[in-house]
Amino acid sequence: PDVFDWRRELKDSINSRRYDFIVMMLGTNDSQDFAERGKILTYGSTEWVKTYNERIATMMETSCKGAKKAVWLGLPPMQSRSFNRKIVRINSWAKRQAMKFPCVEYLPLETVIGDEKGAFVGYLRIDRAIEKIRMVDGIHITAKGGTLISKILVDLFGKATRGAASDDPVAH
């Protein structure tokens, strides 16, 4: 919230309207120290992890109040090994929190925007062409990468609106 308060923004948004779906993809910039009630919490410390998990839970709880279904997109694998280790931890916390909220589905992206083992790749074969799916920084997703994610979301929304059970490998 020191840069942008997503929790407040989400709360304000659901106070003005009701949604069928809320999709969240957060956390890429979160592996750093932050202030909480005037105290700096060091990334990875016990107090940091507790507070961070509370923040995730607040986002999910608020989403459930404002939508029929919320989807939390896991962060894709990152090119930097040290940064990727942080992302794996952030994903594990989000996945664990999602299990506490019936309206929330955690959608992992490791094999969507990664290789078959969930490792970072900058390019993927799509429709017989090699396509760039990640930006040169090894973090951000290209428009083509975004299309891959969008296709999965559209399919998920279609199944949800038809009432069909999802056979996708989505953790609840």
N, C-alpha and C. Protein backbone atom coordinates (compact mmCIF):
# COMPACT_ATOMS: atom_id res chain seq x y z
N PRO A 1 0.80 -1.22 0.00
CA PRO A 1 0.00 0.00 0.00
C PRO A 1 0.84 1.28 0.00
N ASP A 2 2.14 1.15 0.22
CA ASP A 2 2.98 2.35 0.19
C ASP A 2 3.09 2.94 -1.21
N VAL A 3 2.84 2.12 -2.24
CA VAL A 3 2.85 2.60 -3.62
C VAL A 3 1.42 2.70 -4.15
N PHE A 4 0.66 1.63 -3.98
CA PHE A 4 -0.74 1.60 -4.41
C PHE A 4 -1.49 0.64 -3.50
N ASP A 5 -2.58 1.07 -2.94
CA ASP A 5 -3.32 0.26 -1.97
C ASP A 5 -4.40 -0.57 -2.68
N TRP A 6 -3.99 -1.76 -3.11
CA TRP A 6 -4.91 -2.65 -3.83
C TRP A 6 -6.08 -3.09 -2.95
N ARG A 7 -5.85 -3.29 -1.67
CA ARG A 7 -6.94 -3.70 -0.78
C ARG A 7 -8.03 -2.63 -0.73
N ARG A 8 -7.62 -1.38 -0.59
CA ARG A 8 -8.60 -0.28 -0.57
C ARG A 8 -9.28 -0.14 -1.93
N GLU A 9 -8.51 -0.25 -2.99
CA GLU A 9 -9.06 -0.13 -4.35
C GLU A 9 -10.12 -1.20 -4.60
N LEU A 10 -9.82 -2.43 -4.20
CA LEU A 10 -10.78 -3.53 -4.38
C LEU A 10 -12.04 -3.29 -3.55
N LYS A 11 -11.86 -2.88 -2.32
CA LYS A 11 -13.01 -2.61 -1.45
C LYS A 11 -13.88 -1.50 -2.05
N ASP A 12 -13.27 -0.44 -2.50
CA ASP A 12 -14.02 0.66 -3.13
C ASP A 12 -14.75 0.17 -4.37
N SER A 13 -14.11 -0.68 -5.14
CA SER A 13 -14.70 -1.18 -6.38
C SER A 13 -15.93 -2.04 -6.11
N ILE A 14 -15.84 -2.93 -5.13
CA ILE A 14 -17.00 -3.79 -4.87
C ILE A 14 -18.11 -3.06 -4.14
N ASN A 15 -17.78 -1.93 -3.53
CA ASN A 15 -18.83 -1.13 -2.90
C ASN A 15 -19.70 -0.44 -3.94
N SER A 16 -19.16 -0.27 -5.15
CA SER A 16 -19.92 0.43 -6.18
C SER A 16 -20.65 -0.52 -7.13
N ARG A 17 -20.25 -1.80 -7.18
CA ARG A 17 -20.94 -2.76 -8.05
C ARG A 17 -20.60 -4.18 -7.67
N ARG A 18 -21.39 -5.11 -8.18
CA ARG A 18 -21.20 -6.55 -7.94
C ARG A 18 -20.63 -7.15 -9.22
N TYR A 19 -19.73 -8.12 -9.10
CA TYR A 19 -19.07 -8.74 -10.24
C TYR A 19 -19.38 -10.23 -10.31
N ASP A 20 -19.36 -10.77 -11.52
CA ASP A 20 -19.44 -12.22 -11.67
C ASP A 20 -18.09 -12.83 -11.32
N PHE A 21 -17.01 -12.20 -11.82
CA PHE A 21 -15.66 -12.70 -11.62
C PHE A 21 -14.73 -11.55 -11.24
N ILE A 22 -13.80 -11.86 -10.37
CA ILE A 22 -12.69 -10.96 -10.09
C ILE A 22 -11.42 -11.76 -10.33
N VAL A 23 -10.52 -11.21 -11.12
CA VAL A 23 -9.25 -11.86 -11.41
C VAL A 23 -8.13 -11.00 -10.83
N MET A 24 -7.25 -11.65 -10.08
CA MET A 24 -6.14 -10.93 -9.45
C MET A 24 -4.82 -11.61 -9.81
N MET A 25 -3.84 -10.80 -10.10
CA MET A 25 -2.48 -11.28 -10.30
C MET A 25 -1.57 -10.26 -9.63
N LEU A 26 -1.18 -10.58 -8.43
CA LEU A 26 -0.43 -9.64 -7.60
C LEU A 26 0.79 -10.33 -7.00
N GLY A 27 1.79 -9.55 -6.66
CA GLY A 27 2.89 -10.08 -5.90
C GLY A 27 4.26 -9.93 -6.50
N THR A 28 4.35 -9.59 -7.78
CA THR A 28 5.66 -9.52 -8.42
C THR A 28 6.59 -8.54 -7.72
N ASN A 29 6.06 -7.45 -7.23
CA ASN A 29 6.89 -6.44 -6.57
C ASN A 29 6.88 -6.55 -5.05
N ASP A 30 6.37 -7.65 -4.54
CA ASP A 30 6.15 -7.75 -3.10
C ASP A 30 7.30 -8.35 -2.30
N SER A 31 8.31 -8.86 -2.94
CA SER A 31 9.40 -9.52 -2.20
C SER A 31 10.42 -8.48 -1.71
N GLN A 32 9.92 -7.60 -0.86
CA GLN A 32 10.75 -6.53 -0.31
C GLN A 32 10.21 -6.13 1.05
N ASP A 33 10.99 -5.39 1.79
CA ASP A 33 10.56 -4.90 3.09
C ASP A 33 9.36 -3.97 2.88
N PHE A 34 8.49 -3.89 3.89
CA PHE A 34 7.40 -2.93 3.84
C PHE A 34 7.08 -2.43 5.24
N ALA A 35 6.36 -1.32 5.28
CA ALA A 35 5.96 -0.72 6.56
C ALA A 35 4.57 -1.20 6.94
N GLU A 36 4.42 -1.48 8.21
CA GLU A 36 3.12 -1.87 8.76
C GLU A 36 2.97 -1.18 10.11
N ARG A 37 1.97 -0.31 10.21
CA ARG A 37 1.72 0.46 11.43
C ARG A 37 3.00 1.18 11.91
N GLY A 38 3.71 1.78 10.96
CA GLY A 38 4.89 2.57 11.28
C GLY A 38 6.16 1.77 11.52
N LYS A 39 6.09 0.46 11.40
CA LYS A 39 7.26 -0.40 11.63
C LYS A 39 7.68 -1.04 10.31
N ILE A 40 8.99 -1.05 10.03
CA ILE A 40 9.49 -1.70 8.82
C ILE A 40 9.64 -3.19 9.08
N LEU A 41 8.98 -3.99 8.28
CA LEU A 41 9.08 -5.45 8.38
C LEU A 41 10.03 -5.94 7.30
N THR A 42 10.98 -6.74 7.68
CA THR A 42 12.00 -7.25 6.77
C THR A 42 11.45 -8.42 5.98
N TYR A 43 11.63 -8.37 4.65
CA TYR A 43 11.14 -9.43 3.79
C TYR A 43 11.58 -10.80 4.31
N GLY A 44 10.61 -11.71 4.40
CA GLY A 44 10.89 -13.08 4.79
C GLY A 44 10.89 -13.33 6.28
N SER A 45 10.87 -12.26 7.10
CA SER A 45 10.83 -12.45 8.54
C SER A 45 9.48 -13.03 8.94
N THR A 46 9.41 -13.63 10.11
CA THR A 46 8.17 -14.24 10.58
C THR A 46 7.03 -13.22 10.58
N GLU A 47 7.30 -12.01 11.07
CA GLU A 47 6.27 -10.99 11.12
C GLU A 47 5.86 -10.54 9.71
N TRP A 48 6.83 -10.45 8.80
CA TRP A 48 6.54 -10.08 7.41
C TRP A 48 5.63 -11.13 6.78
N VAL A 49 5.97 -12.41 6.93
CA VAL A 49 5.18 -13.49 6.33
C VAL A 49 3.76 -13.49 6.89
N LYS A 50 3.63 -13.33 8.20
CA LYS A 50 2.30 -13.30 8.83
C LYS A 50 1.47 -12.14 8.27
N THR A 51 2.06 -10.97 8.22
CA THR A 51 1.35 -9.78 7.73
C THR A 51 1.01 -9.92 6.24
N TYR A 52 1.96 -10.43 5.47
CA TYR A 52 1.72 -10.60 4.04
C TYR A 52 0.57 -11.57 3.79
N ASN A 53 0.55 -12.68 4.53
CA ASN A 53 -0.55 -13.63 4.38
C ASN A 53 -1.88 -13.02 4.79
N GLU A 54 -1.88 -12.17 5.80
CA GLU A 54 -3.11 -11.47 6.19
C GLU A 54 -3.58 -10.56 5.06
N ARG A 55 -2.64 -9.91 4.38
CA ARG A 55 -3.00 -9.03 3.26
C ARG A 55 -3.60 -9.84 2.12
N ILE A 56 -3.01 -10.98 1.81
CA ILE A 56 -3.57 -11.85 0.76
C ILE A 56 -4.98 -12.27 1.15
N ALA A 57 -5.14 -12.72 2.39
CA ALA A 57 -6.45 -13.17 2.86
C ALA A 57 -7.49 -12.06 2.77
N THR A 58 -7.10 -10.84 3.09
CA THR A 58 -8.02 -9.70 3.00
C THR A 58 -8.48 -9.51 1.56
N MET A 59 -7.55 -9.60 0.61
CA MET A 59 -7.91 -9.45 -0.80
C MET A 59 -8.90 -10.55 -1.22
N MET A 60 -8.65 -11.76 -0.79
CA MET A 60 -9.52 -12.87 -1.17
C MET A 60 -10.89 -12.75 -0.51
N GLU A 61 -10.91 -12.41 0.77
CA GLU A 61 -12.17 -12.24 1.48
C GLU A 61 -13.01 -11.13 0.85
N THR A 62 -12.37 -10.02 0.54
CA THR A 62 -13.07 -8.90 -0.10
C THR A 62 -13.61 -9.32 -1.46
N SER A 63 -12.82 -10.08 -2.21
CA SER A 63 -13.27 -10.56 -3.52
C SER A 63 -14.50 -11.43 -3.40
N CYS A 64 -14.53 -12.28 -2.40
CA CYS A 64 -15.69 -13.16 -2.20
C CYS A 64 -16.95 -12.37 -1.86
N LYS A 65 -16.77 -11.23 -1.21
CA LYS A 65 -17.92 -10.38 -0.90
C LYS A 65 -18.43 -9.65 -2.13
N GLY A 66 -17.57 -9.46 -3.13
CA GLY A 66 -17.93 -8.66 -4.28
C GLY A 66 -18.15 -9.41 -5.58
N ALA A 67 -17.94 -10.74 -5.56
CA ALA A 67 -18.08 -11.51 -6.80
C ALA A 67 -18.54 -12.92 -6.51
N LYS A 68 -19.13 -13.53 -7.52
CA LYS A 68 -19.51 -14.93 -7.41
C LYS A 68 -18.28 -15.82 -7.34
N LYS A 69 -17.24 -15.43 -8.09
CA LYS A 69 -16.03 -16.22 -8.16
C LYS A 69 -14.83 -15.29 -8.30
N ALA A 70 -13.75 -15.66 -7.62
CA ALA A 70 -12.49 -14.92 -7.74
C ALA A 70 -11.42 -15.90 -8.20
N VAL A 71 -10.57 -15.42 -9.07
CA VAL A 71 -9.44 -16.23 -9.56
C VAL A 71 -8.16 -15.49 -9.20
N TRP A 72 -7.30 -16.18 -8.48
CA TRP A 72 -5.98 -15.63 -8.14
C TRP A 72 -4.98 -16.30 -9.06
N LEU A 73 -4.41 -15.52 -9.96
CA LEU A 73 -3.41 -16.07 -10.88
C LEU A 73 -2.06 -16.14 -10.18
N GLY A 74 -1.50 -17.34 -10.15
CA GLY A 74 -0.15 -17.48 -9.63
C GLY A 74 0.82 -16.74 -10.53
N LEU A 75 1.92 -16.32 -9.98
CA LEU A 75 2.91 -15.62 -10.78
C LEU A 75 3.69 -16.63 -11.61
N PRO A 76 4.04 -16.27 -12.84
CA PRO A 76 4.78 -17.19 -13.69
C PRO A 76 6.23 -17.31 -13.24
N PRO A 77 6.92 -18.34 -13.70
CA PRO A 77 8.33 -18.46 -13.34
C PRO A 77 9.13 -17.27 -13.86
N MET A 78 10.13 -16.89 -13.10
CA MET A 78 10.97 -15.74 -13.45
C MET A 78 12.33 -16.22 -13.94
N GLN A 79 12.96 -15.42 -14.75
CA GLN A 79 14.25 -15.78 -15.33
C GLN A 79 15.37 -15.84 -14.29
N SER A 80 15.40 -14.88 -13.39
CA SER A 80 16.41 -14.85 -12.33
C SER A 80 16.09 -15.94 -11.30
N ARG A 81 17.05 -16.79 -11.03
CA ARG A 81 16.83 -17.88 -10.07
C ARG A 81 16.49 -17.35 -8.67
N SER A 82 17.22 -16.33 -8.22
CA SER A 82 16.97 -15.81 -6.88
C SER A 82 15.59 -15.16 -6.80
N PHE A 83 15.20 -14.42 -7.83
CA PHE A 83 13.87 -13.81 -7.86
C PHE A 83 12.80 -14.89 -7.98
N ASN A 84 13.05 -15.91 -8.76
CA ASN A 84 12.07 -16.99 -8.91
C ASN A 84 11.82 -17.70 -7.58
N ARG A 85 12.86 -17.87 -6.76
CA ARG A 85 12.65 -18.50 -5.44
C ARG A 85 11.67 -17.67 -4.61
N LYS A 86 11.76 -16.36 -4.69
CA LYS A 86 10.82 -15.49 -3.97
C LYS A 86 9.41 -15.65 -4.53
N ILE A 87 9.30 -15.72 -5.83
CA ILE A 87 7.99 -15.87 -6.48
C ILE A 87 7.35 -17.21 -6.10
N VAL A 88 8.14 -18.25 -6.04
CA VAL A 88 7.63 -19.57 -5.63
C VAL A 88 7.04 -19.47 -4.22
N ARG A 89 7.73 -18.77 -3.33
CA ARG A 89 7.21 -18.60 -1.96
C ARG A 89 5.91 -17.80 -1.97
N ILE A 90 5.89 -16.69 -2.72
CA ILE A 90 4.68 -15.88 -2.78
C ILE A 90 3.52 -16.70 -3.33
N ASN A 91 3.77 -17.48 -4.37
CA ASN A 91 2.73 -18.35 -4.91
C ASN A 91 2.24 -19.36 -3.88
N SER A 92 3.14 -19.92 -3.10
CA SER A 92 2.73 -20.92 -2.11
C SER A 92 1.82 -20.29 -1.05
N TRP A 93 2.12 -19.06 -0.65
CA TRP A 93 1.26 -18.39 0.32
C TRP A 93 -0.11 -18.10 -0.28
N ALA A 94 -0.14 -17.64 -1.52
CA ALA A 94 -1.43 -17.34 -2.17
C ALA A 94 -2.25 -18.62 -2.35
N LYS A 95 -1.62 -19.67 -2.76
CA LYS A 95 -2.32 -20.95 -2.95
C LYS A 95 -2.90 -21.44 -1.62
N ARG A 96 -2.13 -21.34 -0.56
CA ARG A 96 -2.58 -21.76 0.76
C ARG A 96 -3.76 -20.91 1.23
N GLN A 97 -3.69 -19.60 1.01
CA GLN A 97 -4.79 -18.73 1.41
C GLN A 97 -6.05 -19.03 0.60
N ALA A 98 -5.89 -19.31 -0.69
CA ALA A 98 -7.04 -19.58 -1.56
C ALA A 98 -7.84 -20.77 -1.07
N MET A 99 -7.19 -21.73 -0.46
CA MET A 99 -7.89 -22.92 0.04
C MET A 99 -8.86 -22.58 1.16
N LYS A 100 -8.70 -21.42 1.77
CA LYS A 100 -9.57 -21.01 2.88
C LYS A 100 -10.85 -20.32 2.41
N PHE A 101 -10.92 -19.98 1.14
CA PHE A 101 -12.04 -19.21 0.62
C PHE A 101 -12.74 -19.97 -0.50
N PRO A 102 -13.96 -20.46 -0.27
CA PRO A 102 -14.65 -21.27 -1.28
C PRO A 102 -14.84 -20.59 -2.63
N CYS A 103 -14.93 -19.27 -2.66
CA CYS A 103 -15.16 -18.60 -3.94
C CYS A 103 -13.88 -18.39 -4.74
N VAL A 104 -12.72 -18.66 -4.13
CA VAL A 104 -11.44 -18.37 -4.78
C VAL A 104 -10.83 -19.62 -5.40
N GLU A 105 -10.41 -19.48 -6.64
CA GLU A 105 -9.61 -20.52 -7.30
C GLU A 105 -8.22 -19.97 -7.53
N TYR A 106 -7.24 -20.76 -7.17
CA TYR A 106 -5.84 -20.41 -7.45
C TYR A 106 -5.49 -21.07 -8.77
N LEU A 107 -5.06 -20.28 -9.72
CA LEU A 107 -4.70 -20.79 -11.04
C LEU A 107 -3.20 -20.67 -11.24
N PRO A 108 -2.48 -21.78 -11.17
CA PRO A 108 -1.03 -21.72 -11.38
C PRO A 108 -0.69 -21.44 -12.84
N LEU A 109 0.34 -20.66 -13.06
CA LEU A 109 0.73 -20.30 -14.44
C LEU A 109 2.07 -20.91 -14.85
N GLU A 110 2.68 -21.72 -13.98
CA GLU A 110 4.01 -22.23 -14.27
C GLU A 110 4.10 -22.95 -15.61
N THR A 111 3.12 -23.76 -15.94
CA THR A 111 3.18 -24.49 -17.21
C THR A 111 2.42 -23.78 -18.33
N VAL A 112 1.77 -22.67 -18.02
CA VAL A 112 1.11 -21.86 -19.05
C VAL A 112 2.13 -20.90 -19.65
N ILE A 113 2.87 -20.22 -18.77
CA ILE A 113 3.89 -19.26 -19.18
C ILE A 113 5.25 -19.79 -18.72
N GLY A 114 5.46 -21.06 -18.96
CA GLY A 114 6.72 -21.72 -18.63
C GLY A 114 6.81 -22.99 -19.45
N ASP A 115 7.83 -23.77 -19.21
CA ASP A 115 7.94 -25.03 -19.95
C ASP A 115 7.10 -26.11 -19.27
N GLU A 116 7.17 -27.33 -19.79
CA GLU A 116 6.34 -28.42 -19.26
C GLU A 116 6.69 -28.77 -17.81
N LYS A 117 7.87 -28.34 -17.35
CA LYS A 117 8.26 -28.58 -15.96
C LYS A 117 8.03 -27.35 -15.08
N GLY A 118 7.51 -26.28 -15.66
CA GLY A 118 7.23 -25.08 -14.90
C GLY A 118 8.41 -24.13 -14.76
N ALA A 119 9.42 -24.28 -15.62
CA ALA A 119 10.59 -23.40 -15.58
C ALA A 119 10.40 -22.23 -16.54
N PHE A 120 11.15 -21.17 -16.31
CA PHE A 120 11.09 -19.98 -17.15
C PHE A 120 11.45 -20.31 -18.60
N VAL A 121 10.67 -19.74 -19.50
CA VAL A 121 11.02 -19.71 -20.93
C VAL A 121 10.61 -18.35 -21.47
N GLY A 122 11.37 -17.86 -22.41
CA GLY A 122 11.06 -16.59 -23.04
C GLY A 122 10.21 -16.75 -24.29
N TYR A 123 10.27 -17.96 -24.86
CA TYR A 123 9.56 -18.26 -26.11
C TYR A 123 8.86 -19.60 -25.97
N LEU A 124 7.73 -19.73 -26.66
CA LEU A 124 7.01 -21.00 -26.73
C LEU A 124 6.56 -21.25 -28.16
N ARG A 125 6.44 -22.53 -28.49
CA ARG A 125 5.87 -22.89 -29.79
C ARG A 125 4.35 -22.80 -29.67
N ILE A 126 3.77 -21.95 -30.48
CA ILE A 126 2.32 -21.75 -30.49
C ILE A 126 1.87 -21.84 -31.94
N ASP A 127 0.98 -22.77 -32.23
CA ASP A 127 0.47 -22.93 -33.60
C ASP A 127 1.61 -23.00 -34.62
N ARG A 128 2.57 -23.83 -34.37
CA ARG A 128 3.71 -24.10 -35.27
C ARG A 128 4.68 -22.94 -35.44
N ALA A 129 4.54 -21.91 -34.62
CA ALA A 129 5.47 -20.77 -34.68
C ALA A 129 6.11 -20.58 -33.31
N ILE A 130 7.33 -20.13 -33.30
CA ILE A 130 7.99 -19.78 -32.04
C ILE A 130 7.59 -18.35 -31.70
N GLU A 131 6.94 -18.18 -30.56
CA GLU A 131 6.42 -16.87 -30.17
C GLU A 131 7.09 -16.39 -28.89
N LYS A 132 7.38 -15.11 -28.83
CA LYS A 132 7.94 -14.49 -27.63
C LYS A 132 6.81 -14.28 -26.63
N ILE A 133 6.94 -14.87 -25.44
CA ILE A 133 5.88 -14.75 -24.44
C ILE A 133 6.31 -13.93 -23.23
N ARG A 134 7.61 -13.62 -23.13
CA ARG A 134 8.12 -12.84 -22.01
C ARG A 134 8.98 -11.70 -22.52
N MET A 135 8.97 -10.62 -21.79
CA MET A 135 9.79 -9.46 -22.15
C MET A 135 11.25 -9.75 -21.81
N VAL A 136 12.13 -8.94 -22.33
CA VAL A 136 13.56 -9.14 -22.17
C VAL A 136 14.00 -9.07 -20.70
N ASP A 137 13.20 -8.44 -19.84
CA ASP A 137 13.56 -8.34 -18.42
C ASP A 137 13.39 -9.66 -17.67
N GLY A 138 12.77 -10.65 -18.32
CA GLY A 138 12.58 -11.95 -17.67
C GLY A 138 11.48 -11.95 -16.62
N ILE A 139 10.69 -10.90 -16.59
CA ILE A 139 9.63 -10.76 -15.59
C ILE A 139 8.26 -10.57 -16.27
N HIS A 140 8.17 -9.53 -17.07
CA HIS A 140 6.88 -9.16 -17.67
C HIS A 140 6.50 -10.08 -18.82
N ILE A 141 5.19 -10.13 -19.05
CA ILE A 141 4.61 -11.00 -20.07
C ILE A 141 4.30 -10.17 -21.31
N THR A 142 4.55 -10.73 -22.49
CA THR A 142 4.20 -10.05 -23.74
C THR A 142 2.70 -10.19 -24.00
N ALA A 143 2.23 -9.50 -25.00
CA ALA A 143 0.82 -9.62 -25.39
C ALA A 143 0.49 -11.07 -25.76
N LYS A 144 1.41 -11.75 -26.43
CA LYS A 144 1.18 -13.16 -26.80
C LYS A 144 1.08 -14.03 -25.54
N GLY A 145 1.93 -13.76 -24.57
CA GLY A 145 1.84 -14.47 -23.29
C GLY A 145 0.52 -14.19 -22.59
N GLY A 146 0.08 -12.95 -22.65
CA GLY A 146 -1.21 -12.58 -22.07
C GLY A 146 -2.36 -13.29 -22.74
N THR A 147 -2.24 -13.51 -24.04
CA THR A 147 -3.27 -14.23 -24.78
C THR A 147 -3.38 -15.67 -24.28
N LEU A 148 -2.25 -16.30 -23.98
CA LEU A 148 -2.27 -17.67 -23.44
C LEU A 148 -3.05 -17.72 -22.12
N ILE A 149 -2.78 -16.75 -21.26
CA ILE A 149 -3.49 -16.69 -19.98
C ILE A 149 -4.97 -16.40 -20.20
N SER A 150 -5.27 -15.47 -21.08
CA SER A 150 -6.66 -15.09 -21.36
C SER A 150 -7.48 -16.27 -21.85
N LYS A 151 -6.89 -17.09 -22.70
CA LYS A 151 -7.62 -18.27 -23.21
C LYS A 151 -8.03 -19.20 -22.08
N ILE A 152 -7.14 -19.38 -21.12
CA ILE A 152 -7.46 -20.24 -19.98
C ILE A 152 -8.57 -19.61 -19.14
N LEU A 153 -8.50 -18.31 -18.92
CA LEU A 153 -9.54 -17.62 -18.15
C LEU A 153 -10.88 -17.68 -18.84
N VAL A 154 -10.90 -17.45 -20.14
CA VAL A 154 -12.17 -17.50 -20.89
C VAL A 154 -12.79 -18.90 -20.77
N ASP A 155 -11.96 -19.92 -20.88
CA ASP A 155 -12.44 -21.29 -20.73
C ASP A 155 -12.98 -21.52 -19.32
N LEU A 156 -12.26 -21.05 -18.32
CA LEU A 156 -12.68 -21.19 -16.93
C LEU A 156 -14.00 -20.47 -16.69
N PHE A 157 -14.14 -19.25 -17.21
CA PHE A 157 -15.39 -18.50 -17.04
C PHE A 157 -16.54 -19.19 -17.75
N GLY A 158 -16.27 -19.73 -18.93
CA GLY A 158 -17.31 -20.45 -19.66
C GLY A 158 -17.81 -21.65 -18.90
N LYS A 159 -16.90 -22.40 -18.33
CA LYS A 159 -17.29 -23.56 -17.54
C LYS A 159 -18.06 -23.15 -16.31
N ALA A 160 -17.63 -22.07 -15.68
CA ALA A 160 -18.31 -21.60 -14.46
C ALA A 160 -19.72 -21.12 -14.78
N THR A 161 -19.89 -20.43 -15.90
CA THR A 161 -21.22 -19.92 -16.23
C THR A 161 -22.15 -21.02 -16.72
N ARG A 162 -21.57 -22.09 -17.28
CA ARG A 162 -22.38 -23.24 -17.70
C ARG A 162 -22.64 -24.19 -16.54
N GLY A 163 -21.91 -23.98 -15.43
CA GLY A 163 -22.08 -24.85 -14.28
C GLY A 163 -21.34 -26.16 -14.41
N ALA A 164 -20.48 -26.26 -15.42
CA ALA A 164 -19.73 -27.51 -15.62
C ALA A 164 -18.58 -27.59 -14.64
N ALA A 165 -18.27 -28.79 -14.23
CA ALA A 165 -17.11 -29.00 -13.37
C ALA A 165 -15.84 -28.84 -14.20
N SER A 166 -14.89 -28.16 -13.62
CA SER A 166 -13.62 -27.94 -14.33
C SER A 166 -12.72 -29.13 -14.19
N ASP A 167 -12.15 -29.56 -15.31
CA ASP A 167 -11.18 -30.64 -15.25
C ASP A 167 -9.76 -30.10 -15.39
N ASP A 168 -9.63 -28.78 -15.29
CA ASP A 168 -8.30 -28.17 -15.36
C ASP A 168 -7.56 -28.42 -14.06
N PRO A 169 -6.23 -28.43 -14.13
CA PRO A 169 -5.45 -28.64 -12.91
C PRO A 169 -5.39 -27.38 -12.06
N VAL A 170 -6.56 -26.97 -11.57
CA VAL A 170 -6.65 -25.74 -10.80
C VAL A 170 -6.82 -26.12 -9.33
N ALA A 171 -5.96 -25.61 -8.49
CA ALA A 171 -6.08 -25.87 -7.05
C ALA A 171 -7.16 -24.97 -6.49
N HIS A 172 -7.94 -25.49 -5.57
CA HIS A 172 -8.98 -24.69 -4.94
C HIS A 172 -8.60 -24.29 -3.55
